[in-house]
Amino acid sequence: MIKVGIVGYGNLGRGVTLAVSKANDMECVGIFTRRSPSTVIPVVNYPVYAMDKLADFKGEIDVLLLCGGSATDLPNNTATLLKDFNTVDSFDTHAKIPEYYEKLEKVAKENGKLSAISIGWDPGVFSIARMLFGAVLPDGKDYTFWGKGVSQGHSDAIRRISGVKNAIQYTIPKEQALDSVRKGENPALTTREKHLRECFVAIENGADKDCIEKQIKEMPNYFADYDTIVNFVTEEEVRKMQKKLSHGGFVFRSGNTTSENAHLLELSLKLDSNPEFTGSVLVAYGRAVAKMAKEGKTGVVTVFDVPIKYLSPLGEDELRRTLL
């Protein structure tokens, strides 16, 4: 039985909790939170502890599933946790993944631990599709579209701005760009030409709307490269929108094997719940990290480094018999 700890209990933590409850080969040792444990009522009846109790479980947890945000939580906290535990996280700031990798690799190696980073659906499942499609069809172009749906990372980044009470952000593919790719036109598209980002923001009384809007639109790695719409709404309106955290997207590879034969490879996801699906991916890779760590693997890995068979609870014989 793989023993896991869940760090954080927001939307992603709830999704991870549900996914662990469906994994017959996993046992949840506990949910660890910065909030008062008595205020956290998990969707599954797992024990809840304060974060400062986590050290007491050193040696009793095979892997920690980290459910913090990419803006500040993971960059500031993962290295510390990795000194004592194997970890899996969903760090999704694409431009900063190499820097994040290097920082954690040193800590993991020095402490004999294993960390899987940037695990989710993008980066994650979509990353595998881009790599596989490109390897199979080298003469071609990649295209990735997200949405329409709620980006947890971008919503979290807005909420970190001083004066913001709550916020939600929708990523929306631009139909003209999507249609051009599907027609096999192989367009050269800029980041701005592919997506629109629409934000719904509730602010504190007296907060400067113009200043907040400027900070959002100029935020590097999140909004600066996109056409961004900022709508100021009530907190009640934001909370109503947060009840449905759907998302999805597409990965395309458009190319040729000869001048006469063109091919369009497509992977699409339609997700009723972004955090529940992301949580399910984290749990599958938590299983893999536990297996790899038991074999003595240390350092940092991404989805490119994990043998796909390790994600499954099925044995190798059963995989060959039922899925190959």
C-alpha atoms as a PDB file:
ATOM      1  CA  MET A   1       0.000   0.000   0.000  1.00  0.00           C
ATOM      2  CA  ILE A   2       1.365   3.395  -1.030  1.00  0.00           C
ATOM      3  CA  LYS A   3       1.101   5.943   1.770  1.00  0.00           C
ATOM      4  CA  VAL A   4       0.455   9.504   0.644  1.00  0.00           C
ATOM      5  CA  GLY A   5       0.149  12.906   2.239  1.00  0.00           C
ATOM      6  CA  ILE A   6      -1.886  15.735   0.716  1.00  0.00           C
ATOM      7  CA  VAL A   7      -0.465  19.227   1.225  1.00  0.00           C
ATOM      8  CA  GLY A   8      -3.074  21.962   0.876  1.00  0.00           C
ATOM      9  CA  TYR A   9      -6.834  21.736   0.671  1.00  0.00           C
ATOM     10  CA  GLY A  10      -8.132  24.183  -1.889  1.00  0.00           C
ATOM     11  CA  ASN A  11      -9.799  23.169  -5.142  1.00  0.00           C
ATOM     12  CA  LEU A  12      -6.840  21.036  -6.221  1.00  0.00           C
ATOM     13  CA  GLY A  13      -6.490  19.475  -2.781  1.00  0.00           C
ATOM     14  CA  ARG A  14     -10.132  18.469  -2.924  1.00  0.00           C
ATOM     15  CA  GLY A  15      -9.587  16.922  -6.369  1.00  0.00           C
ATOM     16  CA  VAL A  16      -6.550  14.996  -5.149  1.00  0.00           C
ATOM     17  CA  THR A  17      -8.494  13.768  -2.124  1.00  0.00           C
ATOM     18  CA  LEU A  18     -11.225  12.375  -4.365  1.00  0.00           C
ATOM     19  CA  ALA A  19      -8.656  10.710  -6.634  1.00  0.00           C
ATOM     20  CA  VAL A  20      -6.819   9.069  -3.733  1.00  0.00           C
ATOM     21  CA  SER A  21     -10.119   7.662  -2.474  1.00  0.00           C
ATOM     22  CA  LYS A  22     -10.514   5.842  -5.817  1.00  0.00           C
ATOM     23  CA  ALA A  23      -7.006   4.348  -5.735  1.00  0.00           C
ATOM     24  CA  ASN A  24      -7.179   0.921  -4.139  1.00  0.00           C
ATOM     25  CA  ASP A  25      -3.405   0.752  -3.788  1.00  0.00           C
ATOM     26  CA  MET A  26      -3.123   4.025  -1.832  1.00  0.00           C
ATOM     27  CA  GLU A  27      -3.695   5.074   1.761  1.00  0.00           C
ATOM     28  CA  CYS A  28      -3.982   8.730   2.788  1.00  0.00           C
ATOM     29  CA  VAL A  29      -1.967   9.357   5.928  1.00  0.00           C
ATOM     30  CA  GLY A  30      -3.370  12.840   6.210  1.00  0.00           C
ATOM     31  CA  ILE A  31      -4.189  16.239   4.739  1.00  0.00           C
ATOM     32  CA  PHE A  32      -1.798  18.982   5.866  1.00  0.00           C
ATOM     33  CA  THR A  33      -2.990  22.579   5.872  1.00  0.00           C
ATOM     34  CA  ARG A  34      -1.885  26.077   6.895  1.00  0.00           C
ATOM     35  CA  ARG A  35      -5.418  26.732   8.071  1.00  0.00           C
ATOM     36  CA  SER A  36      -6.755  25.631  11.423  1.00  0.00           C
ATOM     37  CA  PRO A  37      -7.404  21.876  10.937  1.00  0.00           C
ATOM     38  CA  SER A  38     -10.761  22.184  12.666  1.00  0.00           C
ATOM     39  CA  THR A  39     -12.016  24.442   9.859  1.00  0.00           C
ATOM     40  CA  VAL A  40     -11.185  21.922   7.104  1.00  0.00           C
ATOM     41  CA  ILE A  41     -13.890  19.349   6.390  1.00  0.00           C
ATOM     42  CA  PRO A  42     -12.541  17.113   3.592  1.00  0.00           C
ATOM     43  CA  VAL A  43     -14.818  15.525   1.026  1.00  0.00           C
ATOM     44  CA  VAL A  44     -13.426  12.147   2.155  1.00  0.00           C
ATOM     45  CA  ASN A  45     -12.988  11.439   5.855  1.00  0.00           C
ATOM     46  CA  TYR A  46      -9.193  11.641   6.009  1.00  0.00           C
ATOM     47  CA  PRO A  47      -7.382  13.071   9.055  1.00  0.00           C
ATOM     48  CA  VAL A  48      -6.401  16.743   8.846  1.00  0.00           C
ATOM     49  CA  TYR A  49      -3.253  18.151  10.458  1.00  0.00           C
ATOM     50  CA  ALA A  50      -1.587  21.528  10.735  1.00  0.00           C
ATOM     51  CA  MET A  51       1.423  21.959   8.436  1.00  0.00           C
ATOM     52  CA  ASP A  52       3.796  22.123  11.380  1.00  0.00           C
ATOM     53  CA  LYS A  53       2.876  18.515  12.212  1.00  0.00           C
ATOM     54  CA  LEU A  54       4.160  17.217   8.860  1.00  0.00           C
ATOM     55  CA  ALA A  55       7.682  16.681  10.194  1.00  0.00           C
ATOM     56  CA  ASP A  56       6.267  14.123  12.647  1.00  0.00           C
ATOM     57  CA  PHE A  57       5.413  11.888   9.676  1.00  0.00           C
ATOM     58  CA  LYS A  58       8.913  11.709   8.222  1.00  0.00           C
ATOM     59  CA  GLY A  59       9.525   8.106   7.173  1.00  0.00           C
ATOM     60  CA  GLU A  60       5.810   7.266   7.244  1.00  0.00           C
ATOM     61  CA  ILE A  61       4.769   8.855   3.933  1.00  0.00           C
ATOM     62  CA  ASP A  62       5.911   7.480   0.554  1.00  0.00           C
ATOM     63  CA  VAL A  63       4.997  10.600  -1.414  1.00  0.00           C
ATOM     64  CA  LEU A  64       3.559  14.044  -0.789  1.00  0.00           C
ATOM     65  CA  LEU A  65       1.018  15.378  -3.298  1.00  0.00           C
ATOM     66  CA  LEU A  66       1.493  19.148  -3.328  1.00  0.00           C
ATOM     67  CA  CYS A  67      -1.627  21.193  -4.041  1.00  0.00           C
ATOM     68  CA  GLY A  68      -0.286  24.731  -3.799  1.00  0.00           C
ATOM     69  CA  GLY A  69      -0.272  27.361  -6.523  1.00  0.00           C
ATOM     70  CA  SER A  70       2.513  28.036  -8.997  1.00  0.00           C
ATOM     71  CA  ALA A  71       2.753  31.767  -8.363  1.00  0.00           C
ATOM     72  CA  THR A  72       4.262  31.587  -4.863  1.00  0.00           C
ATOM     73  CA  ASP A  73       3.404  28.383  -2.952  1.00  0.00           C
ATOM     74  CA  LEU A  74       5.376  25.846  -4.948  1.00  0.00           C
ATOM     75  CA  PRO A  75       8.429  28.029  -5.701  1.00  0.00           C
ATOM     76  CA  ASN A  76       8.721  28.969  -2.016  1.00  0.00           C
ATOM     77  CA  ASN A  77       7.847  25.682  -0.310  1.00  0.00           C
ATOM     78  CA  THR A  78       8.643  22.624  -2.451  1.00  0.00           C
ATOM     79  CA  ALA A  79      12.403  22.668  -1.840  1.00  0.00           C
ATOM     80  CA  THR A  80      11.877  22.612   1.925  1.00  0.00           C
ATOM     81  CA  LEU A  81       9.422  19.708   1.761  1.00  0.00           C
ATOM     82  CA  LEU A  82      11.713  17.798  -0.586  1.00  0.00           C
ATOM     83  CA  LYS A  83      14.405  17.570   2.085  1.00  0.00           C
ATOM     84  CA  ASP A  84      12.295  15.020   3.974  1.00  0.00           C
ATOM     85  CA  PHE A  85       9.745  13.671   1.480  1.00  0.00           C
ATOM     86  CA  ASN A  86       9.306  12.550  -2.115  1.00  0.00           C
ATOM     87  CA  THR A  87       6.966  14.987  -3.856  1.00  0.00           C
ATOM     88  CA  VAL A  88       4.668  15.471  -6.840  1.00  0.00           C
ATOM     89  CA  ASP A  89       3.480  18.928  -7.880  1.00  0.00           C
ATOM     90  CA  SER A  90       1.589  20.706 -10.655  1.00  0.00           C
ATOM     91  CA  PHE A  91       3.908  23.697 -11.220  1.00  0.00           C
ATOM     92  CA  ASP A  92       2.540  25.161 -14.459  1.00  0.00           C
ATOM     93  CA  THR A  93       4.462  28.339 -15.241  1.00  0.00           C
ATOM     94  CA  HIS A  94       5.927  26.965 -18.487  1.00  0.00           C
ATOM     95  CA  ALA A  95       8.629  29.595 -18.899  1.00  0.00           C
ATOM     96  CA  LYS A  96      10.026  28.933 -15.417  1.00  0.00           C
ATOM     97  CA  ILE A  97      10.044  25.115 -15.474  1.00  0.00           C
ATOM     98  CA  PRO A  98      13.791  24.818 -16.329  1.00  0.00           C
ATOM     99  CA  GLU A  99      14.688  27.159 -13.448  1.00  0.00           C
ATOM    100  CA  TYR A 100      12.349  25.302 -11.075  1.00  0.00           C
ATOM    101  CA  TYR A 101      13.831  21.978 -12.171  1.00  0.00           C
ATOM    102  CA  GLU A 102      17.408  23.067 -11.477  1.00  0.00           C
ATOM    103  CA  LYS A 103      16.533  24.422  -8.035  1.00  0.00           C
ATOM    104  CA  LEU A 104      14.848  21.193  -6.938  1.00  0.00           C
ATOM    105  CA  GLU A 105      17.315  18.821  -8.592  1.00  0.00           C
ATOM    106  CA  LYS A 106      20.085  19.956  -6.244  1.00  0.00           C
ATOM    107  CA  VAL A 107      17.892  19.567  -3.147  1.00  0.00           C
ATOM    108  CA  ALA A 108      16.552  16.168  -4.223  1.00  0.00           C
ATOM    109  CA  LYS A 109      19.988  14.727  -4.964  1.00  0.00           C
ATOM    110  CA  GLU A 110      21.497  16.044  -1.735  1.00  0.00           C
ATOM    111  CA  ASN A 111      18.698  14.477   0.332  1.00  0.00           C
ATOM    112  CA  GLY A 112      18.144  11.259  -1.621  1.00  0.00           C
ATOM    113  CA  LYS A 113      14.580  12.159  -2.593  1.00  0.00           C
ATOM    114  CA  LEU A 114      12.547  12.041  -5.802  1.00  0.00           C
ATOM    115  CA  SER A 115      10.351  14.847  -7.106  1.00  0.00           C
ATOM    116  CA  ALA A 116       7.991  14.818 -10.096  1.00  0.00           C
ATOM    117  CA  ILE A 117       7.292  18.372 -11.228  1.00  0.00           C
ATOM    118  CA  SER A 118       4.801  20.058 -13.553  1.00  0.00           C
ATOM    119  CA  ILE A 119       2.344  17.171 -13.414  1.00  0.00           C
ATOM    120  CA  GLY A 120      -1.174  17.810 -14.697  1.00  0.00           C
ATOM    121  CA  TRP A 121      -2.752  18.127 -18.097  1.00  0.00           C
ATOM    122  CA  ASP A 122      -0.659  21.051 -19.369  1.00  0.00           C
ATOM    123  CA  PRO A 123       2.121  20.764 -18.521  1.00  0.00           C
ATOM    124  CA  GLY A 124       1.676  17.013 -18.261  1.00  0.00           C
ATOM    125  CA  VAL A 125      -0.649  15.027 -20.520  1.00  0.00           C
ATOM    126  CA  PHE A 126      -0.400  17.635 -23.282  1.00  0.00           C
ATOM    127  CA  SER A 127       3.392  17.634 -22.976  1.00  0.00           C
ATOM    128  CA  ILE A 128       3.456  13.904 -23.705  1.00  0.00           C
ATOM    129  CA  ALA A 129       1.205  14.422 -26.734  1.00  0.00           C
ATOM    130  CA  ARG A 130       3.453  17.174 -28.108  1.00  0.00           C
ATOM    131  CA  MET A 131       6.541  15.011 -27.699  1.00  0.00           C
ATOM    132  CA  LEU A 132       4.936  11.858 -29.140  1.00  0.00           C
ATOM    133  CA  PHE A 133       3.284  13.615 -32.078  1.00  0.00           C
ATOM    134  CA  GLY A 134       6.516  15.437 -32.934  1.00  0.00           C
ATOM    135  CA  ALA A 135       8.554  12.248 -32.802  1.00  0.00           C
ATOM    136  CA  VAL A 136       6.103  10.422 -35.086  1.00  0.00           C
ATOM    137  CA  LEU A 137       5.583  13.323 -37.499  1.00  0.00           C
ATOM    138  CA  PRO A 138       8.856  15.315 -37.561  1.00  0.00           C
ATOM    139  CA  ASP A 139       7.916  17.337 -40.655  1.00  0.00           C
ATOM    140  CA  GLY A 140       5.201  19.453 -39.094  1.00  0.00           C
ATOM    141  CA  LYS A 141       4.095  22.086 -36.598  1.00  0.00           C
ATOM    142  CA  ASP A 142       2.728  21.917 -33.059  1.00  0.00           C
ATOM    143  CA  TYR A 143      -0.322  23.852 -31.924  1.00  0.00           C
ATOM    144  CA  THR A 144      -1.774  23.937 -28.411  1.00  0.00           C
ATOM    145  CA  PHE A 145      -5.062  25.568 -27.516  1.00  0.00           C
ATOM    146  CA  TRP A 146      -6.551  25.836 -24.028  1.00  0.00           C
ATOM    147  CA  GLY A 147     -10.179  26.376 -23.120  1.00  0.00           C
ATOM    148  CA  LYS A 148     -12.659  27.663 -22.994  1.00  0.00           C
ATOM    149  CA  GLY A 149     -12.220  27.142 -19.316  1.00  0.00           C
ATOM    150  CA  VAL A 150     -10.956  28.214 -15.922  1.00  0.00           C
ATOM    151  CA  SER A 151      -7.210  28.423 -15.425  1.00  0.00           C
ATOM    152  CA  GLN A 152      -6.457  27.726 -11.761  1.00  0.00           C
ATOM    153  CA  GLY A 153      -2.927  29.092 -11.976  1.00  0.00           C
ATOM    154  CA  HIS A 154      -3.945  32.344 -13.643  1.00  0.00           C
ATOM    155  CA  SER A 155      -6.866  32.819 -11.265  1.00  0.00           C
ATOM    156  CA  ASP A 156      -4.535  32.276  -8.319  1.00  0.00           C
ATOM    157  CA  ALA A 157      -2.022  34.779  -9.727  1.00  0.00           C
ATOM    158  CA  ILE A 158      -4.727  37.475  -9.859  1.00  0.00           C
ATOM    159  CA  ARG A 159      -5.829  36.721  -6.302  1.00  0.00           C
ATOM    160  CA  ARG A 160      -2.258  37.405  -5.125  1.00  0.00           C
ATOM    161  CA  ILE A 161      -2.517  41.044  -6.198  1.00  0.00           C
ATOM    162  CA  SER A 162      -2.973  43.490  -3.324  1.00  0.00           C
ATOM    163  CA  GLY A 163      -6.547  44.747  -3.200  1.00  0.00           C
ATOM    164  CA  VAL A 164      -8.096  41.692  -4.897  1.00  0.00           C
ATOM    165  CA  LYS A 165     -10.649  39.798  -2.795  1.00  0.00           C
ATOM    166  CA  ASN A 166     -11.380  37.038  -5.275  1.00  0.00           C
ATOM    167  CA  ALA A 167     -10.984  36.347  -8.978  1.00  0.00           C
ATOM    168  CA  ILE A 168     -11.513  33.817 -11.731  1.00  0.00           C
ATOM    169  CA  GLN A 169      -9.915  33.741 -15.184  1.00  0.00           C
ATOM    170  CA  TYR A 170     -11.178  32.094 -18.376  1.00  0.00           C
ATOM    171  CA  THR A 171      -8.851  31.105 -21.201  1.00  0.00           C
ATOM    172  CA  ILE A 172     -10.610  31.260 -24.574  1.00  0.00           C
ATOM    173  CA  PRO A 173      -9.219  29.964 -27.903  1.00  0.00           C
ATOM    174  CA  LYS A 174      -9.645  32.333 -30.834  1.00  0.00           C
ATOM    175  CA  GLU A 175     -11.889  30.536 -33.306  1.00  0.00           C
ATOM    176  CA  GLN A 176     -10.169  31.892 -36.401  1.00  0.00           C
ATOM    177  CA  ALA A 177      -6.836  30.430 -35.319  1.00  0.00           C
ATOM    178  CA  LEU A 178      -8.398  27.099 -34.305  1.00  0.00           C
ATOM    179  CA  ASP A 179     -10.224  26.782 -37.632  1.00  0.00           C
ATOM    180  CA  SER A 180      -7.054  27.528 -39.597  1.00  0.00           C
ATOM    181  CA  VAL A 181      -5.156  24.733 -37.839  1.00  0.00           C
ATOM    182  CA  ARG A 182      -7.976  22.243 -38.334  1.00  0.00           C
ATOM    183  CA  LYS A 183      -8.012  23.038 -42.051  1.00  0.00           C
ATOM    184  CA  GLY A 184      -4.344  22.096 -42.304  1.00  0.00           C
ATOM    185  CA  GLU A 185      -3.251  25.610 -43.265  1.00  0.00           C
ATOM    186  CA  ASN A 186      -0.262  25.454 -40.868  1.00  0.00           C
ATOM    187  CA  PRO A 187      -0.531  29.124 -39.858  1.00  0.00           C
ATOM    188  CA  ALA A 188       2.271  30.957 -38.061  1.00  0.00           C
ATOM    189  CA  LEU A 189       0.478  32.118 -34.920  1.00  0.00           C
ATOM    190  CA  THR A 190       1.682  34.396 -32.150  1.00  0.00           C
ATOM    191  CA  THR A 191       0.631  33.809 -28.552  1.00  0.00           C
ATOM    192  CA  ARG A 192      -1.743  36.752 -28.810  1.00  0.00           C
ATOM    193  CA  GLU A 193      -3.367  35.401 -31.970  1.00  0.00           C
ATOM    194  CA  LYS A 194      -4.242  32.068 -30.370  1.00  0.00           C
ATOM    195  CA  HIS A 195      -5.996  32.966 -27.113  1.00  0.00           C
ATOM    196  CA  LEU A 196      -7.988  35.565 -25.242  1.00  0.00           C
ATOM    197  CA  ARG A 197      -7.876  35.776 -21.449  1.00  0.00           C
ATOM    198  CA  GLU A 198     -10.947  37.101 -19.652  1.00  0.00           C
ATOM    199  CA  CYS A 199     -10.788  37.931 -15.947  1.00  0.00           C
ATOM    200  CA  PHE A 200     -13.573  38.516 -13.450  1.00  0.00           C
ATOM    201  CA  VAL A 201     -12.236  40.314 -10.394  1.00  0.00           C
ATOM    202  CA  ALA A 202     -13.776  41.325  -7.057  1.00  0.00           C
ATOM    203  CA  ILE A 203     -11.762  43.964  -5.217  1.00  0.00           C
ATOM    204  CA  GLU A 204     -11.526  45.380  -1.711  1.00  0.00           C
ATOM    205  CA  ASN A 205     -13.372  48.605  -0.915  1.00  0.00           C
ATOM    206  CA  GLY A 206     -11.244  51.547  -1.946  1.00  0.00           C
ATOM    207  CA  ALA A 207      -8.865  49.494  -4.084  1.00  0.00           C
ATOM    208  CA  ASP A 208      -7.569  51.173  -7.245  1.00  0.00           C
ATOM    209  CA  LYS A 209      -9.247  49.495 -10.227  1.00  0.00           C
ATOM    210  CA  ASP A 210      -6.918  51.039 -12.791  1.00  0.00           C
ATOM    211  CA  CYS A 211      -3.839  49.926 -10.878  1.00  0.00           C
ATOM    212  CA  ILE A 212      -5.134  46.378 -10.465  1.00  0.00           C
ATOM    213  CA  GLU A 213      -6.103  46.124 -14.139  1.00  0.00           C
ATOM    214  CA  LYS A 214      -2.650  47.357 -15.149  1.00  0.00           C
ATOM    215  CA  GLN A 215      -0.941  44.802 -12.894  1.00  0.00           C
ATOM    216  CA  ILE A 216      -3.012  41.987 -14.393  1.00  0.00           C
ATOM    217  CA  LYS A 217      -2.465  42.957 -18.021  1.00  0.00           C
ATOM    218  CA  GLU A 218       1.286  43.475 -17.560  1.00  0.00           C
ATOM    219  CA  MET A 219       1.932  40.330 -15.478  1.00  0.00           C
ATOM    220  CA  PRO A 220       4.796  38.418 -17.141  1.00  0.00           C
ATOM    221  CA  ASN A 221       4.301  34.707 -17.955  1.00  0.00           C
ATOM    222  CA  TYR A 222       0.565  35.055 -17.275  1.00  0.00           C
ATOM    223  CA  PHE A 223      -1.126  37.914 -19.149  1.00  0.00           C
ATOM    224  CA  ALA A 224       1.442  40.231 -20.746  1.00  0.00           C
ATOM    225  CA  ASP A 225       1.537  38.320 -24.040  1.00  0.00           C
ATOM    226  CA  TYR A 226      -2.240  37.980 -24.429  1.00  0.00           C
ATOM    227  CA  ASP A 227      -5.260  40.100 -25.245  1.00  0.00           C
ATOM    228  CA  THR A 228      -6.749  40.354 -21.757  1.00  0.00           C
ATOM    229  CA  ILE A 229     -10.172  41.595 -20.659  1.00  0.00           C
ATOM    230  CA  VAL A 230     -10.640  42.561 -17.003  1.00  0.00           C
ATOM    231  CA  ASN A 231     -14.193  42.741 -15.638  1.00  0.00           C
ATOM    232  CA  PHE A 232     -14.765  44.072 -12.127  1.00  0.00           C
ATOM    233  CA  VAL A 233     -17.659  42.247 -10.479  1.00  0.00           C
ATOM    234  CA  THR A 234     -18.969  41.447  -6.996  1.00  0.00           C
ATOM    235  CA  GLU A 235     -17.474  38.684  -4.892  1.00  0.00           C
ATOM    236  CA  GLU A 236     -20.843  36.914  -5.027  1.00  0.00           C
ATOM    237  CA  GLU A 237     -20.600  36.798  -8.836  1.00  0.00           C
ATOM    238  CA  VAL A 238     -17.088  35.355  -8.680  1.00  0.00           C
ATOM    239  CA  ARG A 239     -18.134  32.695  -6.188  1.00  0.00           C
ATOM    240  CA  LYS A 240     -21.040  31.724  -8.416  1.00  0.00           C
ATOM    241  CA  MET A 241     -18.647  31.248 -11.357  1.00  0.00           C
ATOM    242  CA  GLN A 242     -16.261  29.231  -9.180  1.00  0.00           C
ATOM    243  CA  LYS A 243     -18.885  26.550  -8.653  1.00  0.00           C
ATOM    244  CA  LYS A 244     -18.111  25.172 -12.130  1.00  0.00           C
ATOM    245  CA  LEU A 245     -14.378  24.898 -12.822  1.00  0.00           C
ATOM    246  CA  SER A 246     -14.547  23.363 -16.285  1.00  0.00           C
ATOM    247  CA  HIS A 247     -11.670  23.467 -18.757  1.00  0.00           C
ATOM    248  CA  GLY A 248     -10.137  21.599 -21.677  1.00  0.00           C
ATOM    249  CA  GLY A 249      -8.135  22.087 -24.789  1.00  0.00           C
ATOM    250  CA  PHE A 250      -6.420  20.646 -27.849  1.00  0.00           C
ATOM    251  CA  VAL A 251      -2.963  19.578 -28.960  1.00  0.00           C
ATOM    252  CA  PHE A 252      -2.400  19.379 -32.722  1.00  0.00           C
ATOM    253  CA  ARG A 253       0.486  18.235 -34.896  1.00  0.00           C
ATOM    254  CA  SER A 254      -0.019  19.189 -38.530  1.00  0.00           C
ATOM    255  CA  GLY A 255       2.472  17.940 -41.085  1.00  0.00           C
ATOM    256  CA  ASN A 256       3.419  15.716 -43.994  1.00  0.00           C
ATOM    257  CA  THR A 257       5.069  12.391 -44.676  1.00  0.00           C
ATOM    258  CA  THR A 258       5.297  13.220 -48.402  1.00  0.00           C
ATOM    259  CA  SER A 259       4.298  16.195 -50.508  1.00  0.00           C
ATOM    260  CA  GLU A 260       1.089  14.326 -51.372  1.00  0.00           C
ATOM    261  CA  ASN A 261       0.120  13.096 -47.903  1.00  0.00           C
ATOM    262  CA  ALA A 262      -0.706  15.421 -45.046  1.00  0.00           C
ATOM    263  CA  HIS A 263      -1.712  14.383 -41.514  1.00  0.00           C
ATOM    264  CA  LEU A 264      -3.407  16.094 -38.593  1.00  0.00           C
ATOM    265  CA  LEU A 265      -2.901  14.545 -35.164  1.00  0.00           C
ATOM    266  CA  GLU A 266      -5.178  15.777 -32.397  1.00  0.00           C
ATOM    267  CA  LEU A 267      -5.626  15.129 -28.698  1.00  0.00           C
ATOM    268  CA  SER A 268      -8.547  16.871 -27.023  1.00  0.00           C
ATOM    269  CA  LEU A 269      -9.710  17.082 -23.435  1.00  0.00           C
ATOM    270  CA  LYS A 270     -13.118  18.246 -22.226  1.00  0.00           C
ATOM    271  CA  LEU A 271     -13.106  18.519 -18.456  1.00  0.00           C
ATOM    272  CA  ASP A 272     -16.087  19.234 -16.228  1.00  0.00           C
ATOM    273  CA  SER A 273     -13.657  19.905 -13.376  1.00  0.00           C
ATOM    274  CA  ASN A 274     -10.133  21.161 -13.993  1.00  0.00           C
ATOM    275  CA  PRO A 275      -8.966  20.540 -10.383  1.00  0.00           C
ATOM    276  CA  GLU A 276     -10.498  17.073 -10.168  1.00  0.00           C
ATOM    277  CA  PHE A 277      -8.824  15.962 -13.398  1.00  0.00           C
ATOM    278  CA  THR A 278      -5.510  17.576 -12.457  1.00  0.00           C
ATOM    279  CA  GLY A 279      -5.770  15.861  -9.075  1.00  0.00           C
ATOM    280  CA  SER A 280      -6.280  12.524 -10.805  1.00  0.00           C
ATOM    281  CA  VAL A 281      -3.110  13.037 -12.846  1.00  0.00           C
ATOM    282  CA  LEU A 282      -1.158  13.975  -9.708  1.00  0.00           C
ATOM    283  CA  VAL A 283      -2.287  10.784  -7.976  1.00  0.00           C
ATOM    284  CA  ALA A 284      -1.261   8.587 -10.919  1.00  0.00           C
ATOM    285  CA  TYR A 285       2.203  10.149 -10.878  1.00  0.00           C
ATOM    286  CA  GLY A 286       2.295   9.851  -7.099  1.00  0.00           C
ATOM    287  CA  ARG A 287       1.999   6.101  -7.633  1.00  0.00           C
ATOM    288  CA  ALA A 288       4.864   6.235 -10.127  1.00  0.00           C
ATOM    289  CA  VAL A 289       7.102   8.290  -7.842  1.00  0.00           C
ATOM    290  CA  ALA A 290       6.542   5.860  -4.972  1.00  0.00           C
ATOM    291  CA  LYS A 291       7.540   2.944  -7.226  1.00  0.00           C
ATOM    292  CA  MET A 292      10.589   4.700  -8.655  1.00  0.00           C
ATOM    293  CA  ALA A 293      11.776   5.911  -5.252  1.00  0.00           C
ATOM    294  CA  LYS A 294      11.532   2.366  -3.926  1.00  0.00           C
ATOM    295  CA  GLU A 295      13.873   1.333  -6.745  1.00  0.00           C
ATOM    296  CA  GLY A 296      16.380   3.972  -5.628  1.00  0.00           C
ATOM    297  CA  LYS A 297      15.683   6.744  -8.138  1.00  0.00           C
ATOM    298  CA  THR A 298      16.477  10.247  -6.853  1.00  0.00           C
ATOM    299  CA  GLY A 299      16.431  13.745  -8.331  1.00  0.00           C
ATOM    300  CA  VAL A 300      13.734  15.504 -10.333  1.00  0.00           C
ATOM    301  CA  VAL A 301      11.641  13.971 -13.110  1.00  0.00           C
ATOM    302  CA  THR A 302       8.984  15.241 -15.488  1.00  0.00           C
ATOM    303  CA  VAL A 303       6.366  13.348 -17.478  1.00  0.00           C
ATOM    304  CA  PHE A 304       9.074  12.647 -20.068  1.00  0.00           C
ATOM    305  CA  ASP A 305      11.111  10.625 -17.564  1.00  0.00           C
ATOM    306  CA  VAL A 306       8.461   8.389 -15.992  1.00  0.00           C
ATOM    307  CA  PRO A 307       7.803   4.971 -17.575  1.00  0.00           C
ATOM    308  CA  ILE A 308       4.127   4.956 -18.409  1.00  0.00           C
ATOM    309  CA  LYS A 309       3.601   1.513 -16.863  1.00  0.00           C
ATOM    310  CA  TYR A 310       4.382   2.981 -13.428  1.00  0.00           C
ATOM    311  CA  LEU A 311       1.251   5.135 -13.585  1.00  0.00           C
ATOM    312  CA  SER A 312      -1.043   2.124 -13.519  1.00  0.00           C
ATOM    313  CA  PRO A 313      -2.021   0.016 -10.511  1.00  0.00           C
ATOM    314  CA  LEU A 314      -2.090  -2.999 -12.854  1.00  0.00           C
ATOM    315  CA  GLY A 315       0.807  -5.436 -13.039  1.00  0.00           C
ATOM    316  CA  GLU A 316       2.901  -5.781 -16.180  1.00  0.00           C
ATOM    317  CA  ASP A 317       1.306  -9.093 -17.215  1.00  0.00           C
ATOM    318  CA  GLU A 318      -2.177  -7.629 -16.903  1.00  0.00           C
ATOM    319  CA  LEU A 319      -1.197  -4.514 -18.842  1.00  0.00           C
ATOM    320  CA  ARG A 320       0.042  -6.633 -21.740  1.00  0.00           C
ATOM    321  CA  ARG A 321      -3.005  -8.865 -21.624  1.00  0.00           C
ATOM    322  CA  THR A 322      -5.692  -6.197 -21.358  1.00  0.00           C
ATOM    323  CA  LEU A 323      -4.374  -2.946 -22.830  1.00  0.00           C
ATOM    324  CA  LEU A 324      -1.640  -3.708 -25.355  1.00  0.00           C
END
